[in-house]
Amino acid sequence: MAADYAALITAGDVSVATEADGGFLGFIVFRAAGPDLLLENVAVLPGAAGRGIGNALIAHCEQAAQAQGAVAVRLYTTAKMTENLAPYPRLGYTETARRSEDGFERVYFEKRLA
């Protein structure tokens, strides 16, 4: 929650979804993490929800992972954000762990590539 987005953008770790007219819809943050790609954050404006923007951003991350030769895309979310738990299995992600870290109950997911 205290991410330095200016640094992430400079590093090329942020991709943005926009309307045809350039209006902002959402973003995704991902970066290489060893042989994998770590999906750190995906967010869509509430007014753009339900239009497949989040799925498109995640697909973009997966395509980038494949292009970079990553073995898998990994991510985690907090267990309290139950609305975040259902979409990932529908997109082919497997829950790999649940751990208490830094005061949060985290749920880990992974999608193996090829």
PDB file of N, CA and C in Angstrom:
ATOM      1  N   MET A   1       0.808  -1.198   0.000  1.00  0.00           N
ATOM      2  CA  MET A   1       0.000   0.000   0.000  1.00  0.00           C
ATOM      3  C   MET A   1       0.852   1.262   0.000  1.00  0.00           C
ATOM      4  N   ALA A   2       2.112   1.114   0.318  1.00  0.00           N
ATOM      5  CA  ALA A   2       3.001   2.270   0.352  1.00  0.00           C
ATOM      6  C   ALA A   2       3.979   2.206  -0.816  1.00  0.00           C
ATOM      7  N   ALA A   3       3.532   1.672  -1.939  1.00  0.00           N
ATOM      8  CA  ALA A   3       4.414   1.504  -3.090  1.00  0.00           C
ATOM      9  C   ALA A   3       4.852   2.857  -3.646  1.00  0.00           C
ATOM     10  N   ASP A   4       6.055   2.888  -4.141  1.00  0.00           N
ATOM     11  CA  ASP A   4       6.593   4.072  -4.800  1.00  0.00           C
ATOM     12  C   ASP A   4       6.269   3.949  -6.290  1.00  0.00           C
ATOM     13  N   TYR A   5       5.092   4.446  -6.674  1.00  0.00           N
ATOM     14  CA  TYR A   5       4.635   4.264  -8.053  1.00  0.00           C
ATOM     15  C   TYR A   5       5.496   5.010  -9.056  1.00  0.00           C
ATOM     16  N   ALA A   6       6.073   6.131  -8.684  1.00  0.00           N
ATOM     17  CA  ALA A   6       6.968   6.836  -9.598  1.00  0.00           C
ATOM     18  C   ALA A   6       8.155   5.940  -9.959  1.00  0.00           C
ATOM     19  N   ALA A   7       8.712   5.272  -8.977  1.00  0.00           N
ATOM     20  CA  ALA A   7       9.838   4.371  -9.225  1.00  0.00           C
ATOM     21  C   ALA A   7       9.395   3.160 -10.036  1.00  0.00           C
ATOM     22  N   LEU A   8       8.216   2.623  -9.731  1.00  0.00           N
ATOM     23  CA  LEU A   8       7.708   1.472 -10.478  1.00  0.00           C
ATOM     24  C   LEU A   8       7.472   1.824 -11.945  1.00  0.00           C
ATOM     25  N   ILE A   9       6.936   3.016 -12.184  1.00  0.00           N
ATOM     26  CA  ILE A   9       6.709   3.461 -13.563  1.00  0.00           C
ATOM     27  C   ILE A   9       8.040   3.638 -14.275  1.00  0.00           C
ATOM     28  N   THR A  10       8.986   4.277 -13.614  1.00  0.00           N
ATOM     29  CA  THR A  10      10.318   4.481 -14.204  1.00  0.00           C
ATOM     30  C   THR A  10      10.968   3.152 -14.551  1.00  0.00           C
ATOM     31  N   ALA A  11      10.773   2.146 -13.703  1.00  0.00           N
ATOM     32  CA  ALA A  11      11.364   0.822 -13.934  1.00  0.00           C
ATOM     33  C   ALA A  11      10.630   0.034 -15.022  1.00  0.00           C
ATOM     34  N   GLY A  12       9.479   0.541 -15.473  1.00  0.00           N
ATOM     35  CA  GLY A  12       8.712  -0.169 -16.496  1.00  0.00           C
ATOM     36  C   GLY A  12       7.863  -1.287 -15.941  1.00  0.00           C
ATOM     37  N   ASP A  13       7.567  -1.237 -14.643  1.00  0.00           N
ATOM     38  CA  ASP A  13       6.807  -2.299 -13.985  1.00  0.00           C
ATOM     39  C   ASP A  13       5.303  -2.050 -13.969  1.00  0.00           C
ATOM     40  N   VAL A  14       4.850  -0.936 -14.525  1.00  0.00           N
ATOM     41  CA  VAL A  14       3.430  -0.581 -14.514  1.00  0.00           C
ATOM     42  C   VAL A  14       2.907  -0.517 -15.939  1.00  0.00           C
ATOM     43  N   SER A  15       1.764  -1.150 -16.171  1.00  0.00           N
ATOM     44  CA  SER A  15       1.047  -1.040 -17.443  1.00  0.00           C
ATOM     45  C   SER A  15      -0.332  -0.479 -17.131  1.00  0.00           C
ATOM     46  N   VAL A  16      -0.854   0.323 -18.055  1.00  0.00           N
ATOM     47  CA  VAL A  16      -2.107   1.029 -17.837  1.00  0.00           C
ATOM     48  C   VAL A  16      -3.118   0.640 -18.909  1.00  0.00           C
ATOM     49  N   ALA A  17      -4.370   0.490 -18.507  1.00  0.00           N
ATOM     50  CA  ALA A  17      -5.480   0.282 -19.441  1.00  0.00           C
ATOM     51  C   ALA A  17      -6.204   1.607 -19.613  1.00  0.00           C
ATOM     52  N   THR A  18      -6.468   1.962 -20.870  1.00  0.00           N
ATOM     53  CA  THR A  18      -7.137   3.230 -21.151  1.00  0.00           C
ATOM     54  C   THR A  18      -8.280   3.026 -22.141  1.00  0.00           C
ATOM     55  N   GLU A  19      -9.185   3.983 -22.142  1.00  0.00           N
ATOM     56  CA  GLU A  19     -10.233   4.059 -23.152  1.00  0.00           C
ATOM     57  C   GLU A  19      -9.581   4.467 -24.472  1.00  0.00           C
ATOM     58  N   ALA A  20     -10.312   4.351 -25.574  1.00  0.00           N
ATOM     59  CA  ALA A  20      -9.790   4.773 -26.876  1.00  0.00           C
ATOM     60  C   ALA A  20      -9.393   6.248 -26.865  1.00  0.00           C
ATOM     61  N   ASP A  21     -10.106   7.063 -26.061  1.00  0.00           N
ATOM     62  CA  ASP A  21      -9.794   8.493 -25.986  1.00  0.00           C
ATOM     63  C   ASP A  21      -8.696   8.817 -24.971  1.00  0.00           C
ATOM     64  N   GLY A  22      -8.113   7.774 -24.390  1.00  0.00           N
ATOM     65  CA  GLY A  22      -7.027   7.971 -23.436  1.00  0.00           C
ATOM     66  C   GLY A  22      -7.466   8.019 -21.988  1.00  0.00           C
ATOM     67  N   GLY A  23      -8.754   7.921 -21.724  1.00  0.00           N
ATOM     68  CA  GLY A  23      -9.244   7.928 -20.346  1.00  0.00           C
ATOM     69  C   GLY A  23      -8.746   6.717 -19.570  1.00  0.00           C
ATOM     70  N   PHE A  24      -8.311   6.943 -18.350  1.00  0.00           N
ATOM     71  CA  PHE A  24      -7.743   5.902 -17.489  1.00  0.00           C
ATOM     72  C   PHE A  24      -8.812   4.926 -17.028  1.00  0.00           C
ATOM     73  N   LEU A  25      -8.522   3.616 -17.114  1.00  0.00           N
ATOM     74  CA  LEU A  25      -9.438   2.566 -16.660  1.00  0.00           C
ATOM     75  C   LEU A  25      -8.863   1.746 -15.504  1.00  0.00           C
ATOM     76  N   GLY A  26      -7.554   1.503 -15.543  1.00  0.00           N
ATOM     77  CA  GLY A  26      -6.941   0.675 -14.508  1.00  0.00           C
ATOM     78  C   GLY A  26      -5.470   0.482 -14.784  1.00  0.00           C
ATOM     79  N   PHE A  27      -4.828  -0.288 -13.904  1.00  0.00           N
ATOM     80  CA  PHE A  27      -3.390  -0.532 -14.054  1.00  0.00           C
ATOM     81  C   PHE A  27      -3.027  -1.878 -13.469  1.00  0.00           C
ATOM     82  N   ILE A  28      -1.830  -2.330 -13.832  1.00  0.00           N
ATOM     83  CA  ILE A  28      -1.265  -3.558 -13.279  1.00  0.00           C
ATOM     84  C   ILE A  28       0.218  -3.317 -13.036  1.00  0.00           C
ATOM     85  N   VAL A  29       0.718  -3.886 -11.947  1.00  0.00           N
ATOM     86  CA  VAL A  29       2.137  -3.798 -11.605  1.00  0.00           C
ATOM     87  C   VAL A  29       2.674  -5.219 -11.550  1.00  0.00           C
ATOM     88  N   PHE A  30       3.721  -5.482 -12.328  1.00  0.00           N
ATOM     89  CA  PHE A  30       4.373  -6.791 -12.275  1.00  0.00           C
ATOM     90  C   PHE A  30       5.847  -6.622 -12.589  1.00  0.00           C
ATOM     91  N   ARG A  31       6.641  -7.594 -12.104  1.00  0.00           N
ATOM     92  CA  ARG A  31       8.084  -7.541 -12.305  1.00  0.00           C
ATOM     93  C   ARG A  31       8.666  -8.942 -12.240  1.00  0.00           C
ATOM     94  N   ALA A  32       9.846  -9.080 -12.796  1.00  0.00           N
ATOM     95  CA  ALA A  32      10.546 -10.357 -12.736  1.00  0.00           C
ATOM     96  C   ALA A  32      10.912 -10.657 -11.291  1.00  0.00           C
ATOM     97  N   ALA A  33      10.794 -11.919 -10.928  1.00  0.00           N
ATOM     98  CA  ALA A  33      11.169 -12.396  -9.594  1.00  0.00           C
ATOM     99  C   ALA A  33      11.797 -13.772  -9.766  1.00  0.00           C
ATOM    100  N   GLY A  34      13.087 -13.784 -10.023  1.00  0.00           N
ATOM    101  CA  GLY A  34      13.759 -15.051 -10.314  1.00  0.00           C
ATOM    102  C   GLY A  34      13.248 -15.592 -11.636  1.00  0.00           C
ATOM    103  N   PRO A  35      12.911 -16.868 -11.690  1.00  0.00           N
ATOM    104  CA  PRO A  35      12.422 -17.435 -12.951  1.00  0.00           C
ATOM    105  C   PRO A  35      10.943 -17.113 -13.211  1.00  0.00           C
ATOM    106  N   ASP A  36      10.305 -16.419 -12.288  1.00  0.00           N
ATOM    107  CA  ASP A  36       8.872 -16.130 -12.382  1.00  0.00           C
ATOM    108  C   ASP A  36       8.616 -14.645 -12.575  1.00  0.00           C
ATOM    109  N   LEU A  37       7.353 -14.328 -12.799  1.00  0.00           N
ATOM    110  CA  LEU A  37       6.907 -12.942 -12.803  1.00  0.00           C
ATOM    111  C   LEU A  37       6.000 -12.782 -11.593  1.00  0.00           C
ATOM    112  N   LEU A  38       6.210 -11.731 -10.824  1.00  0.00           N
ATOM    113  CA  LEU A  38       5.389 -11.453  -9.654  1.00  0.00           C
ATOM    114  C   LEU A  38       4.371 -10.390 -10.025  1.00  0.00           C
ATOM    115  N   LEU A  39       3.098 -10.735  -9.959  1.00  0.00           N
ATOM    116  CA  LEU A  39       2.018  -9.786 -10.182  1.00  0.00           C
ATOM    117  C   LEU A  39       1.762  -9.130  -8.832  1.00  0.00           C
ATOM    118  N   GLU A  40       2.129  -7.872  -8.719  1.00  0.00           N
ATOM    119  CA  GLU A  40       2.064  -7.182  -7.429  1.00  0.00           C
ATOM    120  C   GLU A  40       0.745  -6.489  -7.173  1.00  0.00           C
ATOM    121  N   ASN A  41       0.121  -5.967  -8.219  1.00  0.00           N
ATOM    122  CA  ASN A  41      -1.109  -5.209  -8.003  1.00  0.00           C
ATOM    123  C   ASN A  41      -1.865  -5.112  -9.314  1.00  0.00           C
ATOM    124  N   VAL A  42      -3.172  -5.237  -9.236  1.00  0.00           N
ATOM    125  CA  VAL A  42      -4.050  -4.970 -10.378  1.00  0.00           C
ATOM    126  C   VAL A  42      -5.263  -4.236  -9.825  1.00  0.00           C
ATOM    127  N   ALA A  43      -5.628  -3.141 -10.484  1.00  0.00           N
ATOM    128  CA  ALA A  43      -6.749  -2.334 -10.010  1.00  0.00           C
ATOM    129  C   ALA A  43      -7.489  -1.737 -11.203  1.00  0.00           C
ATOM    130  N   VAL A  44      -8.807  -1.694 -11.075  1.00  0.00           N
ATOM    131  CA  VAL A  44      -9.676  -1.137 -12.107  1.00  0.00           C
ATOM    132  C   VAL A  44     -10.588  -0.127 -11.439  1.00  0.00           C
ATOM    133  N   LEU A  45     -10.807   0.989 -12.108  1.00  0.00           N
ATOM    134  CA  LEU A  45     -11.734   1.985 -11.563  1.00  0.00           C
ATOM    135  C   LEU A  45     -13.105   1.354 -11.359  1.00  0.00           C
ATOM    136  N   PRO A  46     -13.798   1.693 -10.275  1.00  0.00           N
ATOM    137  CA  PRO A  46     -15.127   1.118 -10.034  1.00  0.00           C
ATOM    138  C   PRO A  46     -16.081   1.297 -11.222  1.00  0.00           C
ATOM    139  N   GLY A  47     -16.029   2.418 -11.885  1.00  0.00           N
ATOM    140  CA  GLY A  47     -16.906   2.659 -13.025  1.00  0.00           C
ATOM    141  C   GLY A  47     -16.590   1.810 -14.245  1.00  0.00           C
ATOM    142  N   ALA A  48     -15.424   1.183 -14.259  1.00  0.00           N
ATOM    143  CA  ALA A  48     -15.023   0.325 -15.376  1.00  0.00           C
ATOM    144  C   ALA A  48     -15.150  -1.154 -15.022  1.00  0.00           C
ATOM    145  N   ALA A  49     -15.582  -1.449 -13.809  1.00  0.00           N
ATOM    146  CA  ALA A  49     -15.705  -2.837 -13.350  1.00  0.00           C
ATOM    147  C   ALA A  49     -16.723  -3.587 -14.213  1.00  0.00           C
ATOM    148  N   GLY A  50     -16.464  -4.883 -14.390  1.00  0.00           N
ATOM    149  CA  GLY A  50     -17.383  -5.737 -15.131  1.00  0.00           C
ATOM    150  C   GLY A  50     -17.213  -5.675 -16.634  1.00  0.00           C
ATOM    151  N   ARG A  51     -16.205  -4.981 -17.102  1.00  0.00           N
ATOM    152  CA  ARG A  51     -15.973  -4.849 -18.550  1.00  0.00           C
ATOM    153  C   ARG A  51     -14.798  -5.696 -19.033  1.00  0.00           C
ATOM    154  N   GLY A  52     -14.221  -6.507 -18.153  1.00  0.00           N
ATOM    155  CA  GLY A  52     -13.105  -7.368 -18.536  1.00  0.00           C
ATOM    156  C   GLY A  52     -11.755  -6.686 -18.508  1.00  0.00           C
ATOM    157  N   ILE A  53     -11.695  -5.480 -17.947  1.00  0.00           N
ATOM    158  CA  ILE A  53     -10.439  -4.735 -17.905  1.00  0.00           C
ATOM    159  C   ILE A  53      -9.409  -5.468 -17.048  1.00  0.00           C
ATOM    160  N   GLY A  54      -9.810  -5.913 -15.869  1.00  0.00           N
ATOM    161  CA  GLY A  54      -8.888  -6.644 -14.992  1.00  0.00           C
ATOM    162  C   GLY A  54      -8.368  -7.905 -15.652  1.00  0.00           C
ATOM    163  N   ASN A  55      -9.253  -8.667 -16.289  1.00  0.00           N
ATOM    164  CA  ASN A  55      -8.828  -9.882 -16.986  1.00  0.00           C
ATOM    165  C   ASN A  55      -7.855  -9.549 -18.110  1.00  0.00           C
ATOM    166  N   ALA A  56      -8.105  -8.460 -18.837  1.00  0.00           N
ATOM    167  CA  ALA A  56      -7.210  -8.060 -19.918  1.00  0.00           C
ATOM    168  C   ALA A  56      -5.843  -7.661 -19.372  1.00  0.00           C
ATOM    169  N   LEU A  57      -5.815  -6.970 -18.242  1.00  0.00           N
ATOM    170  CA  LEU A  57      -4.539  -6.590 -17.632  1.00  0.00           C
ATOM    171  C   LEU A  57      -3.760  -7.826 -17.188  1.00  0.00           C
ATOM    172  N   ILE A  58      -4.461  -8.785 -16.599  1.00  0.00           N
ATOM    173  CA  ILE A  58      -3.792 -10.017 -16.172  1.00  0.00           C
ATOM    174  C   ILE A  58      -3.292 -10.797 -17.390  1.00  0.00           C
ATOM    175  N   ALA A  59      -4.076 -10.839 -18.466  1.00  0.00           N
ATOM    176  CA  ALA A  59      -3.627 -11.499 -19.696  1.00  0.00           C
ATOM    177  C   ALA A  59      -2.380 -10.812 -20.246  1.00  0.00           C
ATOM    178  N   HIS A  60      -2.339  -9.494 -20.163  1.00  0.00           N
ATOM    179  CA  HIS A  60      -1.148  -8.742 -20.586  1.00  0.00           C
ATOM    180  C   HIS A  60       0.080  -9.153 -19.762  1.00  0.00           C
ATOM    181  N   CYS A  61      -0.103  -9.292 -18.460  1.00  0.00           N
ATOM    182  CA  CYS A  61       0.974  -9.739 -17.574  1.00  0.00           C
ATOM    183  C   CYS A  61       1.450 -11.132 -17.974  1.00  0.00           C
ATOM    184  N   GLU A  62       0.526 -12.032 -18.243  1.00  0.00           N
ATOM    185  CA  GLU A  62       0.884 -13.398 -18.612  1.00  0.00           C
ATOM    186  C   GLU A  62       1.621 -13.430 -19.947  1.00  0.00           C
ATOM    187  N   GLN A  63       1.200 -12.586 -20.903  1.00  0.00           N
ATOM    188  CA  GLN A  63       1.894 -12.513 -22.192  1.00  0.00           C
ATOM    189  C   GLN A  63       3.311 -11.985 -22.007  1.00  0.00           C
ATOM    190  N   ALA A  64       3.467 -10.982 -21.155  1.00  0.00           N
ATOM    191  CA  ALA A  64       4.799 -10.454 -20.865  1.00  0.00           C
ATOM    192  C   ALA A  64       5.661 -11.524 -20.207  1.00  0.00           C
ATOM    193  N   ALA A  65       5.073 -12.305 -19.314  1.00  0.00           N
ATOM    194  CA  ALA A  65       5.810 -13.381 -18.648  1.00  0.00           C
ATOM    195  C   ALA A  65       6.308 -14.393 -19.668  1.00  0.00           C
ATOM    196  N   GLN A  66       5.433 -14.788 -20.575  1.00  0.00           N
ATOM    197  CA  GLN A  66       5.845 -15.747 -21.606  1.00  0.00           C
ATOM    198  C   GLN A  66       6.936 -15.163 -22.495  1.00  0.00           C
ATOM    199  N   ALA A  67       6.808 -13.898 -22.866  1.00  0.00           N
ATOM    200  CA  ALA A  67       7.805 -13.253 -23.710  1.00  0.00           C
ATOM    201  C   ALA A  67       9.165 -13.190 -23.017  1.00  0.00           C
ATOM    202  N   GLN A  68       9.154 -13.077 -21.697  1.00  0.00           N
ATOM    203  CA  GLN A  68      10.396 -13.013 -20.926  1.00  0.00           C
ATOM    204  C   GLN A  68      10.929 -14.395 -20.567  1.00  0.00           C
ATOM    205  N   GLY A  69      10.191 -15.437 -20.929  1.00  0.00           N
ATOM    206  CA  GLY A  69      10.621 -16.792 -20.618  1.00  0.00           C
ATOM    207  C   GLY A  69      10.374 -17.197 -19.180  1.00  0.00           C
ATOM    208  N   ALA A  70       9.440 -16.524 -18.508  1.00  0.00           N
ATOM    209  CA  ALA A  70       9.126 -16.862 -17.114  1.00  0.00           C
ATOM    210  C   ALA A  70       8.494 -18.248 -17.036  1.00  0.00           C
ATOM    211  N   VAL A  71       8.709 -18.905 -15.929  1.00  0.00           N
ATOM    212  CA  VAL A  71       8.162 -20.230 -15.676  1.00  0.00           C
ATOM    213  C   VAL A  71       6.711 -20.136 -15.197  1.00  0.00           C
ATOM    214  N   ALA A  72       6.409 -19.089 -14.412  1.00  0.00           N
ATOM    215  CA  ALA A  72       5.084 -18.941 -13.823  1.00  0.00           C
ATOM    216  C   ALA A  72       4.820 -17.479 -13.487  1.00  0.00           C
ATOM    217  N   VAL A  73       3.539 -17.178 -13.309  1.00  0.00           N
ATOM    218  CA  VAL A  73       3.132 -15.898 -12.734  1.00  0.00           C
ATOM    219  C   VAL A  73       2.668 -16.213 -11.323  1.00  0.00           C
ATOM    220  N   ARG A  74       3.196 -15.474 -10.359  1.00  0.00           N
ATOM    221  CA  ARG A  74       2.833 -15.661  -8.953  1.00  0.00           C
ATOM    222  C   ARG A  74       2.229 -14.370  -8.428  1.00  0.00           C
ATOM    223  N   LEU A  75       1.378 -14.505  -7.418  1.00  0.00           N
ATOM    224  CA  LEU A  75       0.772 -13.341  -6.774  1.00  0.00           C
ATOM    225  C   LEU A  75       0.291 -13.736  -5.398  1.00  0.00           C
ATOM    226  N   TYR A  76      -0.021 -12.720  -4.611  1.00  0.00           N
ATOM    227  CA  TYR A  76      -0.694 -12.969  -3.348  1.00  0.00           C
ATOM    228  C   TYR A  76      -1.686 -11.850  -3.103  1.00  0.00           C
ATOM    229  N   THR A  77      -2.683 -12.163  -2.294  1.00  0.00           N
ATOM    230  CA  THR A  77      -3.689 -11.188  -1.896  1.00  0.00           C
ATOM    231  C   THR A  77      -4.022 -11.453  -0.437  1.00  0.00           C
ATOM    232  N   THR A  78      -4.726 -10.544   0.179  1.00  0.00           N
ATOM    233  CA  THR A  78      -5.102 -10.760   1.573  1.00  0.00           C
ATOM    234  C   THR A  78      -6.385 -11.565   1.643  1.00  0.00           C
ATOM    235  N   ALA A  79      -6.457 -12.458   2.609  1.00  0.00           N
ATOM    236  CA  ALA A  79      -7.625 -13.317   2.767  1.00  0.00           C
ATOM    237  C   ALA A  79      -8.883 -12.516   3.081  1.00  0.00           C
ATOM    238  N   LYS A  80      -8.726 -11.358   3.727  1.00  0.00           N
ATOM    239  CA  LYS A  80      -9.887 -10.532   4.066  1.00  0.00           C
ATOM    240  C   LYS A  80     -10.573  -9.956   2.836  1.00  0.00           C
ATOM    241  N   MET A  81      -9.832  -9.829   1.755  1.00  0.00           N
ATOM    242  CA  MET A  81     -10.415  -9.296   0.522  1.00  0.00           C
ATOM    243  C   MET A  81     -10.980 -10.474  -0.275  1.00  0.00           C
ATOM    244  N   THR A  82     -12.067 -11.033   0.234  1.00  0.00           N
ATOM    245  CA  THR A  82     -12.621 -12.258  -0.331  1.00  0.00           C
ATOM    246  C   THR A  82     -13.004 -12.106  -1.798  1.00  0.00           C
ATOM    247  N   GLU A  83     -13.367 -10.889  -2.221  1.00  0.00           N
ATOM    248  CA  GLU A  83     -13.724 -10.678  -3.623  1.00  0.00           C
ATOM    249  C   GLU A  83     -12.527 -10.881  -4.554  1.00  0.00           C
ATOM    250  N   ASN A  84     -11.319 -10.863  -4.006  1.00  0.00           N
ATOM    251  CA  ASN A  84     -10.114 -11.087  -4.806  1.00  0.00           C
ATOM    252  C   ASN A  84      -9.754 -12.562  -4.936  1.00  0.00           C
ATOM    253  N   LEU A  85     -10.380 -13.417  -4.152  1.00  0.00           N
ATOM    254  CA  LEU A  85      -9.992 -14.826  -4.150  1.00  0.00           C
ATOM    255  C   LEU A  85     -10.619 -15.634  -5.286  1.00  0.00           C
ATOM    256  N   ALA A  86     -11.828 -15.310  -5.690  1.00  0.00           N
ATOM    257  CA  ALA A  86     -12.544 -16.102  -6.689  1.00  0.00           C
ATOM    258  C   ALA A  86     -12.027 -15.953  -8.120  1.00  0.00           C
ATOM    259  N   PRO A  87     -11.639 -14.761  -8.566  1.00  0.00           N
ATOM    260  CA  PRO A  87     -11.269 -14.632  -9.988  1.00  0.00           C
ATOM    261  C   PRO A  87     -10.039 -15.429 -10.405  1.00  0.00           C
ATOM    262  N   TYR A  88      -9.056 -15.541  -9.544  1.00  0.00           N
ATOM    263  CA  TYR A  88      -7.801 -16.168  -9.965  1.00  0.00           C
ATOM    264  C   TYR A  88      -7.957 -17.634 -10.360  1.00  0.00           C
ATOM    265  N   PRO A  89      -8.658 -18.464  -9.599  1.00  0.00           N
ATOM    266  CA  PRO A  89      -8.856 -19.843 -10.057  1.00  0.00           C
ATOM    267  C   PRO A  89      -9.584 -19.914 -11.403  1.00  0.00           C
ATOM    268  N   ARG A  90     -10.517 -19.001 -11.635  1.00  0.00           N
ATOM    269  CA  ARG A  90     -11.218 -18.985 -12.930  1.00  0.00           C
ATOM    270  C   ARG A  90     -10.267 -18.660 -14.081  1.00  0.00           C
ATOM    271  N   LEU A  91      -9.168 -17.975 -13.769  1.00  0.00           N
ATOM    272  CA  LEU A  91      -8.182 -17.616 -14.787  1.00  0.00           C
ATOM    273  C   LEU A  91      -7.030 -18.615 -14.862  1.00  0.00           C
ATOM    274  N   GLY A  92      -7.166 -19.751 -14.170  1.00  0.00           N
ATOM    275  CA  GLY A  92      -6.155 -20.805 -14.249  1.00  0.00           C
ATOM    276  C   GLY A  92      -5.100 -20.781 -13.164  1.00  0.00           C
ATOM    277  N   TYR A  93      -5.303 -19.936 -12.140  1.00  0.00           N
ATOM    278  CA  TYR A  93      -4.341 -19.860 -11.037  1.00  0.00           C
ATOM    279  C   TYR A  93      -4.702 -20.892  -9.978  1.00  0.00           C
ATOM    280  N   THR A  94      -3.675 -21.443  -9.348  1.00  0.00           N
ATOM    281  CA  THR A  94      -3.832 -22.431  -8.297  1.00  0.00           C
ATOM    282  C   THR A  94      -3.377 -21.820  -6.975  1.00  0.00           C
ATOM    283  N   GLU A  95      -4.164 -22.015  -5.946  1.00  0.00           N
ATOM    284  CA  GLU A  95      -3.742 -21.562  -4.621  1.00  0.00           C
ATOM    285  C   GLU A  95      -2.588 -22.441  -4.165  1.00  0.00           C
ATOM    286  N   THR A  96      -1.505 -21.799  -3.728  1.00  0.00           N
ATOM    287  CA  THR A  96      -0.313 -22.555  -3.330  1.00  0.00           C
ATOM    288  C   THR A  96      -0.009 -22.475  -1.845  1.00  0.00           C
ATOM    289  N   ALA A  97      -0.538 -21.460  -1.161  1.00  0.00           N
ATOM    290  CA  ALA A  97      -0.241 -21.325   0.270  1.00  0.00           C
ATOM    291  C   ALA A  97      -1.139 -20.274   0.894  1.00  0.00           C
ATOM    292  N   ARG A  98      -1.223 -20.372   2.224  1.00  0.00           N
ATOM    293  CA  ARG A  98      -1.845 -19.338   3.058  1.00  0.00           C
ATOM    294  C   ARG A  98      -0.901 -19.128   4.221  1.00  0.00           C
ATOM    295  N   ARG A  99      -0.499 -17.875   4.422  1.00  0.00           N
ATOM    296  CA  ARG A  99       0.455 -17.574   5.490  1.00  0.00           C
ATOM    297  C   ARG A  99       0.102 -16.247   6.142  1.00  0.00           C
ATOM    298  N   SER A 100       0.472 -16.141   7.401  1.00  0.00           N
ATOM    299  CA  SER A 100       0.369 -14.878   8.126  1.00  0.00           C
ATOM    300  C   SER A 100       1.720 -14.178   8.011  1.00  0.00           C
ATOM    301  N   GLU A 101       1.719 -12.984   7.388  1.00  0.00           N
ATOM    302  CA  GLU A 101       2.961 -12.230   7.190  1.00  0.00           C
ATOM    303  C   GLU A 101       2.681 -10.745   7.376  1.00  0.00           C
ATOM    304  N   ASP A 102       3.540 -10.078   8.074  1.00  0.00           N
ATOM    305  CA  ASP A 102       3.457  -8.623   8.245  1.00  0.00           C
ATOM    306  C   ASP A 102       2.082  -8.178   8.748  1.00  0.00           C
ATOM    307  N   GLY A 103       1.455  -9.004   9.563  1.00  0.00           N
ATOM    308  CA  GLY A 103       0.149  -8.665  10.113  1.00  0.00           C
ATOM    309  C   GLY A 103      -1.022  -8.957   9.191  1.00  0.00           C
ATOM    310  N   PHE A 104      -0.782  -9.607   8.055  1.00  0.00           N
ATOM    311  CA  PHE A 104      -1.839  -9.924   7.095  1.00  0.00           C
ATOM    312  C   PHE A 104      -1.938 -11.430   6.902  1.00  0.00           C
ATOM    313  N   GLU A 105      -3.146 -11.898   6.707  1.00  0.00           N
ATOM    314  CA  GLU A 105      -3.358 -13.285   6.294  1.00  0.00           C
ATOM    315  C   GLU A 105      -3.345 -13.275   4.773  1.00  0.00           C
ATOM    316  N   ARG A 106      -2.309 -13.872   4.185  1.00  0.00           N
ATOM    317  CA  ARG A 106      -2.127 -13.820   2.743  1.00  0.00           C
ATOM    318  C   ARG A 106      -2.447 -15.157   2.086  1.00  0.00           C
ATOM    319  N   VAL A 107      -2.992 -15.043   0.896  1.00  0.00           N
ATOM    320  CA  VAL A 107      -3.292 -16.216   0.064  1.00  0.00           C
ATOM    321  C   VAL A 107      -2.425 -16.101  -1.187  1.00  0.00           C
ATOM    322  N   TYR A 108      -1.653 -17.128  -1.462  1.00  0.00           N
ATOM    323  CA  TYR A 108      -0.724 -17.151  -2.588  1.00  0.00           C
ATOM    324  C   TYR A 108      -1.295 -17.969  -3.733  1.00  0.00           C
ATOM    325  N   PHE A 109      -1.090 -17.471  -4.945  1.00  0.00           N
ATOM    326  CA  PHE A 109      -1.546 -18.149  -6.164  1.00  0.00           C
ATOM    327  C   PHE A 109      -0.387 -18.237  -7.152  1.00  0.00           C
ATOM    328  N   GLU A 110      -0.506 -19.205  -8.069  1.00  0.00           N
ATOM    329  CA  GLU A 110       0.493 -19.388  -9.110  1.00  0.00           C
ATOM    330  C   GLU A 110      -0.198 -19.904 -10.367  1.00  0.00           C
ATOM    331  N   LYS A 111       0.281 -19.438 -11.507  1.00  0.00           N
ATOM    332  CA  LYS A 111      -0.136 -19.994 -12.790  1.00  0.00           C
ATOM    333  C   LYS A 111       1.126 -20.389 -13.545  1.00  0.00           C
ATOM    334  N   ARG A 112       1.284 -21.686 -13.743  1.00  0.00           N
ATOM    335  CA  ARG A 112       2.436 -22.200 -14.490  1.00  0.00           C
ATOM    336  C   ARG A 112       2.221 -21.885 -15.970  1.00  0.00           C
ATOM    337  N   LEU A 113       3.297 -21.530 -16.634  1.00  0.00           N
ATOM    338  CA  LEU A 113       3.226 -21.179 -18.044  1.00  0.00           C
ATOM    339  C   LEU A 113       3.823 -22.307 -18.873  1.00  0.00           C
ATOM    340  N   ALA A 114       3.144 -22.670 -19.925  1.00  0.00           N
ATOM    341  CA  ALA A 114       3.555 -23.724 -20.863  1.00  0.00           C
ATOM    342  C   ALA A 114       3.920 -24.943 -20.120  1.00  0.00           C
TER     343      ALA A 114
END
